[in-house]
PDB file of N, CA and C in Angstrom:
ATOM      1  N   MET A   1      -9.683   9.312   3.491  1.00  0.00           N
ATOM      2  CA  MET A   1      -9.681   8.390   2.379  1.00  0.00           C
ATOM      3  C   MET A   1      -8.233   7.992   2.075  1.00  0.00           C
ATOM      4  N   ILE A   2      -8.050   6.720   1.747  1.00  0.00           N
ATOM      5  CA  ILE A   2      -6.728   6.236   1.342  1.00  0.00           C
ATOM      6  C   ILE A   2      -6.901   5.356   0.118  1.00  0.00           C
ATOM      7  N   THR A   3      -5.989   5.516  -0.850  1.00  0.00           N
ATOM      8  CA  THR A   3      -5.962   4.683  -2.046  1.00  0.00           C
ATOM      9  C   THR A   3      -4.629   3.951  -2.068  1.00  0.00           C
ATOM     10  N   ILE A   4      -4.702   2.646  -2.314  1.00  0.00           N
ATOM     11  CA  ILE A   4      -3.511   1.792  -2.364  1.00  0.00           C
ATOM     12  C   ILE A   4      -3.335   1.332  -3.800  1.00  0.00           C
ATOM     13  N   PHE A   5      -2.160   1.606  -4.362  1.00  0.00           N
ATOM     14  CA  PHE A   5      -1.832   1.174  -5.712  1.00  0.00           C
ATOM     15  C   PHE A   5      -0.820   0.038  -5.654  1.00  0.00           C
ATOM     16  N   LEU A   6      -1.087  -1.054  -6.346  1.00  0.00           N
ATOM     17  CA  LEU A   6      -0.106  -2.117  -6.539  1.00  0.00           C
ATOM     18  C   LEU A   6       0.717  -1.728  -7.755  1.00  0.00           C
ATOM     19  N   ILE A   7       2.031  -1.621  -7.586  1.00  0.00           N
ATOM     20  CA  ILE A   7       2.926  -1.168  -8.648  1.00  0.00           C
ATOM     21  C   ILE A   7       3.442  -2.367  -9.449  1.00  0.00           C
ATOM     22  N   HIS A   8       3.465  -2.216 -10.769  1.00  0.00           N
ATOM     23  CA  HIS A   8       3.994  -3.253 -11.656  1.00  0.00           C
ATOM     24  C   HIS A   8       5.419  -3.609 -11.212  1.00  0.00           C
ATOM     25  N   PRO A   9       5.792  -4.909 -11.234  1.00  0.00           N
ATOM     26  CA  PRO A   9       7.107  -5.310 -10.717  1.00  0.00           C
ATOM     27  C   PRO A   9       8.303  -4.752 -11.489  1.00  0.00           C
ATOM     28  N   THR A  10       8.156  -4.464 -12.777  1.00  0.00           N
ATOM     29  CA  THR A  10       9.310  -3.988 -13.539  1.00  0.00           C
ATOM     30  C   THR A  10       9.123  -2.601 -14.133  1.00  0.00           C
ATOM     31  N   GLN A  11       7.948  -2.046 -14.011  1.00  0.00           N
ATOM     32  CA  GLN A  11       7.679  -0.718 -14.558  1.00  0.00           C
ATOM     33  C   GLN A  11       7.079   0.155 -13.464  1.00  0.00           C
ATOM     34  N   ALA A  12       7.252   1.450 -13.591  1.00  0.00           N
ATOM     35  CA  ALA A  12       6.725   2.371 -12.573  1.00  0.00           C
ATOM     36  C   ALA A  12       5.301   2.774 -12.934  1.00  0.00           C
ATOM     37  N   GLU A  13       4.408   1.780 -12.953  1.00  0.00           N
ATOM     38  CA  GLU A  13       3.005   2.080 -13.227  1.00  0.00           C
ATOM     39  C   GLU A  13       2.116   1.177 -12.395  1.00  0.00           C
ATOM     40  N   PRO A  14       0.952   1.694 -12.011  1.00  0.00           N
ATOM     41  CA  PRO A  14       0.037   0.892 -11.200  1.00  0.00           C
ATOM     42  C   PRO A  14      -0.671  -0.166 -12.040  1.00  0.00           C
ATOM     43  N   ILE A  15      -0.921  -1.326 -11.430  1.00  0.00           N
ATOM     44  CA  ILE A  15      -1.662  -2.367 -12.135  1.00  0.00           C
ATOM     45  C   ILE A  15      -2.980  -2.697 -11.441  1.00  0.00           C
ATOM     46  N   ARG A  16      -3.179  -2.151 -10.233  1.00  0.00           N
ATOM     47  CA  ARG A  16      -4.425  -2.377  -9.499  1.00  0.00           C
ATOM     48  C   ARG A  16      -4.527  -1.320  -8.423  1.00  0.00           C
ATOM     49  N   SER A  17      -5.744  -0.974  -8.037  1.00  0.00           N
ATOM     50  CA  SER A  17      -5.901  -0.019  -6.936  1.00  0.00           C
ATOM     51  C   SER A  17      -7.115  -0.373  -6.099  1.00  0.00           C
ATOM     52  N   TRP A  18      -7.076   0.081  -4.845  1.00  0.00           N
ATOM     53  CA  TRP A  18      -8.166  -0.089  -3.893  1.00  0.00           C
ATOM     54  C   TRP A  18      -8.324   1.245  -3.174  1.00  0.00           C
ATOM     55  N   THR A  19      -9.562   1.717  -3.009  1.00  0.00           N
ATOM     56  CA  THR A  19      -9.826   2.965  -2.303  1.00  0.00           C
ATOM     57  C   THR A  19     -10.739   2.681  -1.120  1.00  0.00           C
ATOM     58  N   PHE A  20     -10.390   3.258   0.020  1.00  0.00           N
ATOM     59  CA  PHE A  20     -11.158   3.095   1.247  1.00  0.00           C
ATOM     60  C   PHE A  20     -11.512   4.479   1.763  1.00  0.00           C
ATOM     61  N   LYS A  21     -12.816   4.731   1.907  1.00  0.00           N
ATOM     62  CA  LYS A  21     -13.274   6.064   2.302  1.00  0.00           C
ATOM     63  C   LYS A  21     -13.605   6.166   3.778  1.00  0.00           C
ATOM     64  N   GLN A  22     -14.286   5.183   4.329  1.00  0.00           N
ATOM     65  CA  GLN A  22     -14.779   5.280   5.697  1.00  0.00           C
ATOM     66  C   GLN A  22     -14.091   4.316   6.659  1.00  0.00           C
ATOM     67  N   ASP A  23     -13.230   3.470   6.166  1.00  0.00           N
ATOM     68  CA  ASP A  23     -12.623   2.431   7.002  1.00  0.00           C
ATOM     69  C   ASP A  23     -11.629   3.027   7.997  1.00  0.00           C
ATOM     70  N   SER A  24     -11.590   2.464   9.200  1.00  0.00           N
ATOM     71  CA  SER A  24     -10.600   2.895  10.180  1.00  0.00           C
ATOM     72  C   SER A  24      -9.402   1.950  10.220  1.00  0.00           C
ATOM     73  N   VAL A  25      -9.581   0.713   9.707  1.00  0.00           N
ATOM     74  CA  VAL A  25      -8.478  -0.246   9.595  1.00  0.00           C
ATOM     75  C   VAL A  25      -8.569  -0.915   8.237  1.00  0.00           C
ATOM     76  N   VAL A  26      -7.442  -0.951   7.524  1.00  0.00           N
ATOM     77  CA  VAL A  26      -7.356  -1.638   6.232  1.00  0.00           C
ATOM     78  C   VAL A  26      -6.276  -2.700   6.380  1.00  0.00           C
ATOM     79  N   ARG A  27      -6.639  -3.955   6.113  1.00  0.00           N
ATOM     80  CA  ARG A  27      -5.709  -5.075   6.261  1.00  0.00           C
ATOM     81  C   ARG A  27      -5.186  -5.514   4.895  1.00  0.00           C
ATOM     82  N   VAL A  28      -3.869  -5.747   4.824  1.00  0.00           N
ATOM     83  CA  VAL A  28      -3.195  -6.111   3.576  1.00  0.00           C
ATOM     84  C   VAL A  28      -2.418  -7.395   3.796  1.00  0.00           C
ATOM     85  N   GLY A  29      -2.555  -8.339   2.864  1.00  0.00           N
ATOM     86  CA  GLY A  29      -1.793  -9.579   2.955  1.00  0.00           C
ATOM     87  C   GLY A  29      -2.267 -10.602   1.950  1.00  0.00           C
ATOM     88  N   ARG A  30      -1.754 -11.807   2.062  1.00  0.00           N
ATOM     89  CA  ARG A  30      -2.026 -12.887   1.117  1.00  0.00           C
ATOM     90  C   ARG A  30      -3.366 -13.574   1.367  1.00  0.00           C
ATOM     91  N   SER A  31      -3.846 -13.572   2.603  1.00  0.00           N
ATOM     92  CA  SER A  31      -5.076 -14.267   2.956  1.00  0.00           C
ATOM     93  C   SER A  31      -6.302 -13.579   2.347  1.00  0.00           C
ATOM     94  N   LYS A  32      -7.286 -14.396   1.975  1.00  0.00           N
ATOM     95  CA  LYS A  32      -8.502 -13.870   1.346  1.00  0.00           C
ATOM     96  C   LYS A  32      -9.340 -13.017   2.283  1.00  0.00           C
ATOM     97  N   ASP A  33      -9.099 -13.086   3.599  1.00  0.00           N
ATOM     98  CA  ASP A  33      -9.893 -12.279   4.523  1.00  0.00           C
ATOM     99  C   ASP A  33      -9.351 -10.855   4.711  1.00  0.00           C
ATOM    100  N   ASN A  34      -8.317 -10.475   3.966  1.00  0.00           N
ATOM    101  CA  ASN A  34      -7.796  -9.114   4.002  1.00  0.00           C
ATOM    102  C   ASN A  34      -8.638  -8.199   3.116  1.00  0.00           C
ATOM    103  N   ASP A  35      -8.559  -6.903   3.378  1.00  0.00           N
ATOM    104  CA  ASP A  35      -9.220  -5.917   2.519  1.00  0.00           C
ATOM    105  C   ASP A  35      -8.499  -5.798   1.179  1.00  0.00           C
ATOM    106  N   VAL A  36      -7.174  -5.922   1.215  1.00  0.00           N
ATOM    107  CA  VAL A  36      -6.338  -5.892   0.015  1.00  0.00           C
ATOM    108  C   VAL A  36      -5.563  -7.204  -0.013  1.00  0.00           C
ATOM    109  N   VAL A  37      -5.835  -8.030  -1.019  1.00  0.00           N
ATOM    110  CA  VAL A  37      -5.164  -9.325  -1.150  1.00  0.00           C
ATOM    111  C   VAL A  37      -4.043  -9.180  -2.173  1.00  0.00           C
ATOM    112  N   ILE A  38      -2.811  -9.462  -1.718  1.00  0.00           N
ATOM    113  CA  ILE A  38      -1.611  -9.366  -2.550  1.00  0.00           C
ATOM    114  C   ILE A  38      -0.936 -10.732  -2.522  1.00  0.00           C
ATOM    115  N   HIS A  39      -0.685 -11.287  -3.685  1.00  0.00           N
ATOM    116  CA  HIS A  39      -0.010 -12.584  -3.775  1.00  0.00           C
ATOM    117  C   HIS A  39       1.484 -12.363  -3.975  1.00  0.00           C
ATOM    118  N   GLY A  40       2.279 -13.191  -3.365  1.00  0.00           N
ATOM    119  CA  GLY A  40       3.726 -13.122  -3.517  1.00  0.00           C
ATOM    120  C   GLY A  40       4.387 -13.968  -2.454  1.00  0.00           C
ATOM    121  N   SER A  41       5.547 -14.525  -2.797  1.00  0.00           N
ATOM    122  CA  SER A  41       6.223 -15.431  -1.874  1.00  0.00           C
ATOM    123  C   SER A  41       6.713 -14.723  -0.607  1.00  0.00           C
ATOM    124  N   LEU A  42       6.928 -13.411  -0.651  1.00  0.00           N
ATOM    125  CA  LEU A  42       7.394 -12.668   0.513  1.00  0.00           C
ATOM    126  C   LEU A  42       6.261 -12.017   1.301  1.00  0.00           C
ATOM    127  N   VAL A  43       5.025 -12.167   0.807  1.00  0.00           N
ATOM    128  CA  VAL A  43       3.871 -11.538   1.448  1.00  0.00           C
ATOM    129  C   VAL A  43       3.278 -12.504   2.466  1.00  0.00           C
ATOM    130  N   SER A  44       3.147 -12.035   3.696  1.00  0.00           N
ATOM    131  CA  SER A  44       2.538 -12.843   4.761  1.00  0.00           C
ATOM    132  C   SER A  44       1.028 -12.873   4.607  1.00  0.00           C
ATOM    133  N   ARG A  45       0.406 -13.857   5.238  1.00  0.00           N
ATOM    134  CA  ARG A  45      -1.062 -13.943   5.186  1.00  0.00           C
ATOM    135  C   ARG A  45      -1.692 -12.656   5.710  1.00  0.00           C
ATOM    136  N   HIS A  46      -1.158 -12.118   6.775  1.00  0.00           N
ATOM    137  CA  HIS A  46      -1.606 -10.845   7.345  1.00  0.00           C
ATOM    138  C   HIS A  46      -0.357  -9.984   7.474  1.00  0.00           C
ATOM    139  N   HIS A  47      -0.036  -9.253   6.406  1.00  0.00           N
ATOM    140  CA  HIS A  47       1.264  -8.590   6.309  1.00  0.00           C
ATOM    141  C   HIS A  47       1.308  -7.241   7.020  1.00  0.00           C
ATOM    142  N   LEU A  48       0.325  -6.404   6.760  1.00  0.00           N
ATOM    143  CA  LEU A  48       0.326  -5.097   7.407  1.00  0.00           C
ATOM    144  C   LEU A  48      -1.090  -4.586   7.570  1.00  0.00           C
ATOM    145  N   GLU A  49      -1.218  -3.593   8.437  1.00  0.00           N
ATOM    146  CA  GLU A  49      -2.491  -2.912   8.610  1.00  0.00           C
ATOM    147  C   GLU A  49      -2.254  -1.421   8.517  1.00  0.00           C
ATOM    148  N   LEU A  50      -3.239  -0.730   7.975  1.00  0.00           N
ATOM    149  CA  LEU A  50      -3.245   0.727   7.931  1.00  0.00           C
ATOM    150  C   LEU A  50      -4.359   1.185   8.856  1.00  0.00           C
ATOM    151  N   TRP A  51      -4.015   1.981   9.843  1.00  0.00           N
ATOM    152  CA  TRP A  51      -4.987   2.443  10.831  1.00  0.00           C
ATOM    153  C   TRP A  51      -5.218   3.929  10.654  1.00  0.00           C
ATOM    154  N   HIS A  52      -6.482   4.321  10.587  1.00  0.00           N
ATOM    155  CA  HIS A  52      -6.826   5.740  10.529  1.00  0.00           C
ATOM    156  C   HIS A  52      -7.264   6.167  11.917  1.00  0.00           C
ATOM    157  N   ARG A  53      -6.471   7.053  12.509  1.00  0.00           N
ATOM    158  CA  ARG A  53      -6.823   7.542  13.838  1.00  0.00           C
ATOM    159  C   ARG A  53      -6.253   8.935  14.042  1.00  0.00           C
ATOM    160  N   GLN A  54      -7.036   9.730  14.734  1.00  0.00           N
ATOM    161  CA  GLN A  54      -6.659  11.100  15.071  1.00  0.00           C
ATOM    162  C   GLN A  54      -6.243  11.904  13.841  1.00  0.00           C
ATOM    163  N   GLY A  55      -6.965  11.701  12.736  1.00  0.00           N
ATOM    164  CA  GLY A  55      -6.756  12.512  11.542  1.00  0.00           C
ATOM    165  C   GLY A  55      -5.611  12.109  10.633  1.00  0.00           C
ATOM    166  N   HIS A  56      -4.923  11.010  10.941  1.00  0.00           N
ATOM    167  CA  HIS A  56      -3.857  10.553  10.033  1.00  0.00           C
ATOM    168  C   HIS A  56      -3.851   9.030   9.952  1.00  0.00           C
ATOM    169  N   TRP A  57      -3.115   8.508   8.981  1.00  0.00           N
ATOM    170  CA  TRP A  57      -2.994   7.062   8.777  1.00  0.00           C
ATOM    171  C   TRP A  57      -1.651   6.595   9.310  1.00  0.00           C
ATOM    172  N   GLU A  58      -1.659   5.404   9.911  1.00  0.00           N
ATOM    173  CA  GLU A  58      -0.436   4.751  10.367  1.00  0.00           C
ATOM    174  C   GLU A  58      -0.326   3.377   9.733  1.00  0.00           C
ATOM    175  N   LEU A  59       0.883   2.971   9.433  1.00  0.00           N
ATOM    176  CA  LEU A  59       1.178   1.646   8.902  1.00  0.00           C
ATOM    177  C   LEU A  59       1.770   0.817  10.032  1.00  0.00           C
ATOM    178  N   ILE A  60       1.256  -0.395  10.210  1.00  0.00           N
ATOM    179  CA  ILE A  60       1.781  -1.313  11.221  1.00  0.00           C
ATOM    180  C   ILE A  60       2.142  -2.620  10.528  1.00  0.00           C
ATOM    181  N   ASN A  61       3.386  -3.038  10.666  1.00  0.00           N
ATOM    182  CA  ASN A  61       3.878  -4.260  10.037  1.00  0.00           C
ATOM    183  C   ASN A  61       3.571  -5.475  10.904  1.00  0.00           C
ATOM    184  N   PHE A  62       3.060  -6.526  10.269  1.00  0.00           N
ATOM    185  CA  PHE A  62       2.887  -7.829  10.916  1.00  0.00           C
ATOM    186  C   PHE A  62       3.574  -8.924  10.101  1.00  0.00           C
ATOM    187  N   GLY A  63       4.201  -8.558   8.994  1.00  0.00           N
ATOM    188  CA  GLY A  63       4.781  -9.524   8.070  1.00  0.00           C
ATOM    189  C   GLY A  63       6.061 -10.144   8.571  1.00  0.00           C
ATOM    190  N   ALA A  64       6.180 -11.449   8.379  1.00  0.00           N
ATOM    191  CA  ALA A  64       7.389 -12.170   8.784  1.00  0.00           C
ATOM    192  C   ALA A  64       8.618 -11.691   8.010  1.00  0.00           C
ATOM    193  N   ASN A  65       8.415 -11.262   6.759  1.00  0.00           N
ATOM    194  CA  ASN A  65       9.530 -10.790   5.925  1.00  0.00           C
ATOM    195  C   ASN A  65       9.691  -9.277   5.970  1.00  0.00           C
ATOM    196  N   GLY A  66       8.927  -8.617   6.806  1.00  0.00           N
ATOM    197  CA  GLY A  66       9.077  -7.184   7.008  1.00  0.00           C
ATOM    198  C   GLY A  66       8.360  -6.333   5.975  1.00  0.00           C
ATOM    199  N   THR A  67       8.241  -5.065   6.321  1.00  0.00           N
ATOM    200  CA  THR A  67       7.703  -4.035   5.445  1.00  0.00           C
ATOM    201  C   THR A  67       8.766  -2.951   5.376  1.00  0.00           C
ATOM    202  N   PHE A  68       9.023  -2.457   4.166  1.00  0.00           N
ATOM    203  CA  PHE A  68      10.135  -1.544   3.943  1.00  0.00           C
ATOM    204  C   PHE A  68       9.648  -0.241   3.319  1.00  0.00           C
ATOM    205  N   VAL A  69      10.213   0.867   3.796  1.00  0.00           N
ATOM    206  CA  VAL A  69       9.977   2.187   3.230  1.00  0.00           C
ATOM    207  C   VAL A  69      11.351   2.779   2.942  1.00  0.00           C
ATOM    208  N   GLU A  70      11.574   3.153   1.687  1.00  0.00           N
ATOM    209  CA  GLU A  70      12.875   3.694   1.260  1.00  0.00           C
ATOM    210  C   GLU A  70      14.013   2.746   1.635  1.00  0.00           C
ATOM    211  N   GLY A  71      13.772   1.447   1.482  1.00  0.00           N
ATOM    212  CA  GLY A  71      14.794   0.442   1.728  1.00  0.00           C
ATOM    213  C   GLY A  71      15.035   0.108   3.192  1.00  0.00           C
ATOM    214  N   GLN A  72      14.331   0.779   4.091  1.00  0.00           N
ATOM    215  CA  GLN A  72      14.529   0.556   5.518  1.00  0.00           C
ATOM    216  C   GLN A  72      13.335  -0.181   6.112  1.00  0.00           C
ATOM    217  N   PRO A  73      13.578  -1.182   6.952  1.00  0.00           N
ATOM    218  CA  PRO A  73      12.460  -1.884   7.582  1.00  0.00           C
ATOM    219  C   PRO A  73      11.722  -0.963   8.555  1.00  0.00           C
ATOM    220  N   VAL A  74      10.400  -1.084   8.561  1.00  0.00           N
ATOM    221  CA  VAL A  74       9.592  -0.296   9.498  1.00  0.00           C
ATOM    222  C   VAL A  74       8.653  -1.239  10.240  1.00  0.00           C
ATOM    223  N   HIS A  75       8.460  -0.957  11.509  1.00  0.00           N
ATOM    224  CA  HIS A  75       7.472  -1.699  12.288  1.00  0.00           C
ATOM    225  C   HIS A  75       6.181  -0.893  12.340  1.00  0.00           C
ATOM    226  N   GLN A  76       6.321   0.406  12.567  1.00  0.00           N
ATOM    227  CA  GLN A  76       5.174   1.297  12.618  1.00  0.00           C
ATOM    228  C   GLN A  76       5.631   2.641  12.069  1.00  0.00           C
ATOM    229  N   SER A  77       4.787   3.249  11.222  1.00  0.00           N
ATOM    230  CA  SER A  77       5.166   4.510  10.602  1.00  0.00           C
ATOM    231  C   SER A  77       3.933   5.297  10.222  1.00  0.00           C
ATOM    232  N   GLN A  78       4.023   6.606  10.348  1.00  0.00           N
ATOM    233  CA  GLN A  78       2.945   7.450   9.834  1.00  0.00           C
ATOM    234  C   GLN A  78       2.984   7.388   8.316  1.00  0.00           C
ATOM    235  N   VAL A  79       1.802   7.342   7.686  1.00  0.00           N
ATOM    236  CA  VAL A  79       1.713   7.284   6.234  1.00  0.00           C
ATOM    237  C   VAL A  79       1.787   8.701   5.671  1.00  0.00           C
ATOM    238  N   ASP A  80       2.684   8.892   4.719  1.00  0.00           N
ATOM    239  CA  ASP A  80       2.788  10.151   3.987  1.00  0.00           C
ATOM    240  C   ASP A  80       2.199   9.946   2.601  1.00  0.00           C
ATOM    241  N   ASP A  81       1.570  10.970   2.064  1.00  0.00           N
ATOM    242  CA  ASP A  81       0.984  10.890   0.730  1.00  0.00           C
ATOM    243  C   ASP A  81       2.056  10.550  -0.301  1.00  0.00           C
ATOM    244  N   GLY A  82       1.803   9.515  -1.100  1.00  0.00           N
ATOM    245  CA  GLY A  82       2.741   9.098  -2.132  1.00  0.00           C
ATOM    246  C   GLY A  82       3.779   8.095  -1.670  1.00  0.00           C
ATOM    247  N   MET A  83       3.764   7.739  -0.412  1.00  0.00           N
ATOM    248  CA  MET A  83       4.730   6.802   0.163  1.00  0.00           C
ATOM    249  C   MET A  83       4.716   5.478  -0.606  1.00  0.00           C
ATOM    250  N   ILE A  84       5.913   4.936  -0.883  1.00  0.00           N
ATOM    251  CA  ILE A  84       6.061   3.627  -1.513  1.00  0.00           C
ATOM    252  C   ILE A  84       6.475   2.631  -0.425  1.00  0.00           C
ATOM    253  N   VAL A  85       5.715   1.547  -0.321  1.00  0.00           N
ATOM    254  CA  VAL A  85       5.939   0.511   0.684  1.00  0.00           C
ATOM    255  C   VAL A  85       6.247  -0.788  -0.046  1.00  0.00           C
ATOM    256  N   ARG A  86       7.232  -1.513   0.433  1.00  0.00           N
ATOM    257  CA  ARG A  86       7.573  -2.809  -0.163  1.00  0.00           C
ATOM    258  C   ARG A  86       7.282  -3.903   0.853  1.00  0.00           C
ATOM    259  N   LEU A  87       6.586  -4.943   0.415  1.00  0.00           N
ATOM    260  CA  LEU A  87       6.248  -6.080   1.268  1.00  0.00           C
ATOM    261  C   LEU A  87       7.375  -7.102   1.156  1.00  0.00           C
ATOM    262  N   GLY A  88       8.215  -7.174   2.164  1.00  0.00           N
ATOM    263  CA  GLY A  88       9.449  -7.948   2.076  1.00  0.00           C
ATOM    264  C   GLY A  88      10.503  -7.084   1.408  1.00  0.00           C
ATOM    265  N   SER A  89      11.759  -7.452   1.547  1.00  0.00           N
ATOM    266  CA  SER A  89      12.841  -6.604   1.017  1.00  0.00           C
ATOM    267  C   SER A  89      12.826  -6.499  -0.505  1.00  0.00           C
ATOM    268  N   THR A  90      12.293  -7.513  -1.182  1.00  0.00           N
ATOM    269  CA  THR A  90      12.241  -7.477  -2.658  1.00  0.00           C
ATOM    270  C   THR A  90      10.859  -7.846  -3.167  1.00  0.00           C
ATOM    271  N   GLY A  91       9.856  -7.752  -2.303  1.00  0.00           N
ATOM    272  CA  GLY A  91       8.496  -8.145  -2.670  1.00  0.00           C
ATOM    273  C   GLY A  91       7.724  -7.045  -3.388  1.00  0.00           C
ATOM    274  N   PRO A  92       6.412  -7.225  -3.497  1.00  0.00           N
ATOM    275  CA  PRO A  92       5.556  -6.267  -4.195  1.00  0.00           C
ATOM    276  C   PRO A  92       5.636  -4.871  -3.575  1.00  0.00           C
ATOM    277  N   ARG A  93       5.508  -3.864  -4.459  1.00  0.00           N
ATOM    278  CA  ARG A  93       5.507  -2.468  -4.020  1.00  0.00           C
ATOM    279  C   ARG A  93       4.091  -1.913  -4.054  1.00  0.00           C
ATOM    280  N   LEU A  94       3.764  -1.128  -3.039  1.00  0.00           N
ATOM    281  CA  LEU A  94       2.483  -0.447  -2.958  1.00  0.00           C
ATOM    282  C   LEU A  94       2.745   1.044  -2.810  1.00  0.00           C
ATOM    283  N   GLN A  95       1.946   1.853  -3.503  1.00  0.00           N
ATOM    284  CA  GLN A  95       1.996   3.291  -3.269  1.00  0.00           C
ATOM    285  C   GLN A  95       0.735   3.677  -2.500  1.00  0.00           C
ATOM    286  N   LEU A  96       0.905   4.470  -1.447  1.00  0.00           N
ATOM    287  CA  LEU A  96      -0.201   4.896  -0.599  1.00  0.00           C
ATOM    288  C   LEU A  96      -0.495   6.364  -0.879  1.00  0.00           C
ATOM    289  N   ARG A  97      -1.732   6.638  -1.278  1.00  0.00           N
ATOM    290  CA  ARG A  97      -2.148   8.014  -1.571  1.00  0.00           C
ATOM    291  C   ARG A  97      -3.276   8.412  -0.652  1.00  0.00           C
ATOM    292  N   LEU A  98      -3.196   9.605  -0.114  1.00  0.00           N
ATOM    293  CA  LEU A  98      -4.213  10.152   0.772  1.00  0.00           C
ATOM    294  C   LEU A  98      -5.076  11.128  -0.020  1.00  0.00           C
ATOM    295  N   ASP A  99      -6.380  10.990   0.072  1.00  0.00           N
ATOM    296  CA  ASP A  99      -7.323  11.880  -0.627  1.00  0.00           C
ATOM    297  C   ASP A  99      -7.051  11.953  -2.122  1.00  0.00           C
ATOM    298  N   PHE A 100      -6.682  10.830  -2.721  1.00  0.00           N
ATOM    299  CA  PHE A 100      -6.364  10.762  -4.153  1.00  0.00           C
ATOM    300  C   PHE A 100      -7.611  10.960  -5.000  1.00  0.00           C
ATOM    301  N   GLN A 101      -7.501  11.790  -6.017  1.00  0.00           N
ATOM    302  CA  GLN A 101      -8.570  11.984  -7.002  1.00  0.00           C
ATOM    303  C   GLN A 101      -8.138  11.300  -8.296  1.00  0.00           C
ATOM    304  N   PRO A 102      -9.009  10.526  -8.958  1.00  0.00           N
ATOM    305  CA  PRO A 102      -8.624   9.714 -10.112  1.00  0.00           C
ATOM    306  C   PRO A 102      -7.943  10.463 -11.257  1.00  0.00           C
ATOM    307  N   ASN A 103      -8.167  11.747 -11.414  1.00  0.00           N
ATOM    308  CA  ASN A 103      -7.544  12.482 -12.518  1.00  0.00           C
ATOM    309  C   ASN A 103      -6.174  13.041 -12.169  1.00  0.00           C
ATOM    310  N   GLU A 104      -5.741  12.871 -10.933  1.00  0.00           N
ATOM    311  CA  GLU A 104      -4.430  13.352 -10.517  1.00  0.00           C
ATOM    312  C   GLU A 104      -3.335  12.421 -11.013  1.00  0.00           C
ATOM    313  N   VAL A 105      -2.130  12.950 -11.108  1.00  0.00           N
ATOM    314  CA  VAL A 105      -0.952  12.117 -11.324  1.00  0.00           C
ATOM    315  C   VAL A 105      -0.407  11.795  -9.951  1.00  0.00           C
ATOM    316  N   ALA A 106      -0.160  10.535  -9.688  1.00  0.00           N
ATOM    317  CA  ALA A 106       0.319  10.116  -8.375  1.00  0.00           C
ATOM    318  C   ALA A 106       1.741  10.597  -8.144  1.00  0.00           C
ATOM    319  N   ALA A 107       2.071  10.840  -6.893  1.00  0.00           N
ATOM    320  CA  ALA A 107       3.403  11.324  -6.532  1.00  0.00           C
ATOM    321  C   ALA A 107       4.412  10.184  -6.539  1.00  0.00           C
ATOM    322  N   GLY A 108       5.625  10.475  -6.178  1.00  0.00           N
ATOM    323  CA  GLY A 108       6.648   9.439  -6.066  1.00  0.00           C
ATOM    324  C   GLY A 108       7.161   9.017  -7.421  1.00  0.00           C
ATOM    325  N   ASP A 109       6.663   7.912  -7.945  1.00  0.00           N
ATOM    326  CA  ASP A 109       7.106   7.404  -9.234  1.00  0.00           C
ATOM    327  C   ASP A 109       6.394   8.072 -10.406  1.00  0.00           C
ATOM    328  N   ARG A 110       5.623   9.116 -10.148  1.00  0.00           N
ATOM    329  CA  ARG A 110       4.870   9.826 -11.193  1.00  0.00           C
ATOM    330  C   ARG A 110       3.908   8.883 -11.901  1.00  0.00           C
ATOM    331  N   LEU A 111       3.127   8.177 -11.123  1.00  0.00           N
ATOM    332  CA  LEU A 111       2.180   7.214 -11.642  1.00  0.00           C
ATOM    333  C   LEU A 111       0.891   7.898 -12.047  1.00  0.00           C
ATOM    334  N   THR A 112       0.232   7.392 -13.065  1.00  0.00           N
ATOM    335  CA  THR A 112      -1.080   7.909 -13.418  1.00  0.00           C
ATOM    336  C   THR A 112      -2.135   6.896 -13.012  1.00  0.00           C
ATOM    337  N   ALA A 113      -3.314   7.369 -12.740  1.00  0.00           N
ATOM    338  CA  ALA A 113      -4.375   6.482 -12.248  1.00  0.00           C
ATOM    339  C   ALA A 113      -5.140   5.815 -13.375  1.00  0.00           C
ATOM    340  N   HIS A 114      -4.994   6.245 -14.608  1.00  0.00           N
ATOM    341  CA  HIS A 114      -5.834   5.784 -15.689  1.00  0.00           C
ATOM    342  C   HIS A 114      -5.776   4.285 -15.993  1.00  0.00           C
ATOM    343  N   PRO A 115      -4.600   3.587 -15.959  1.00  0.00           N
ATOM    344  CA  PRO A 115      -4.606   2.176 -16.318  1.00  0.00           C
ATOM    345  C   PRO A 115      -5.000   1.232 -15.191  1.00  0.00           C
ATOM    346  N   VAL A 116      -5.531   1.746 -14.104  1.00  0.00           N
ATOM    347  CA  VAL A 116      -5.805   0.938 -12.925  1.00  0.00           C
ATOM    348  C   VAL A 116      -7.242   0.459 -12.915  1.00  0.00           C
ATOM    349  N   ASP A 117      -7.448  -0.789 -12.475  1.00  0.00           N
ATOM    350  CA  ASP A 117      -8.802  -1.282 -12.223  1.00  0.00           C
ATOM    351  C   ASP A 117      -8.980  -1.363 -10.718  1.00  0.00           C
ATOM    352  N   GLY A 118     -10.165  -1.522 -10.247  1.00  0.00           N
ATOM    353  CA  GLY A 118     -10.307  -1.582  -8.808  1.00  0.00           C
ATOM    354  C   GLY A 118     -11.590  -2.129  -8.443  1.00  0.00           C
TER     355      GLY A 118
END
């Protein structure tokens, strides 16, 4: 299971979330045919994919403006619980949680799940 949180642009709190339990590929981008639709000038129509294989999740970048983890561009990376991903160098931030339970406090920015819709 993977939960994706869209982080507020100026505050360290989630404003939306999506949870995927059985999916082996989750597509993220601006186009309506993605599993997670994110609007933003730096977000590509098909920006990234999350692949579940061999017991772990991988992030694969397809975005023209890049995908960044800890300020560094990544093309492909294993997903770590609580990882913060930025779509473009200054675009929207997503937090990736593995096996997240709604009553937990999210790692990284110490986000709580309570104000999120999904």
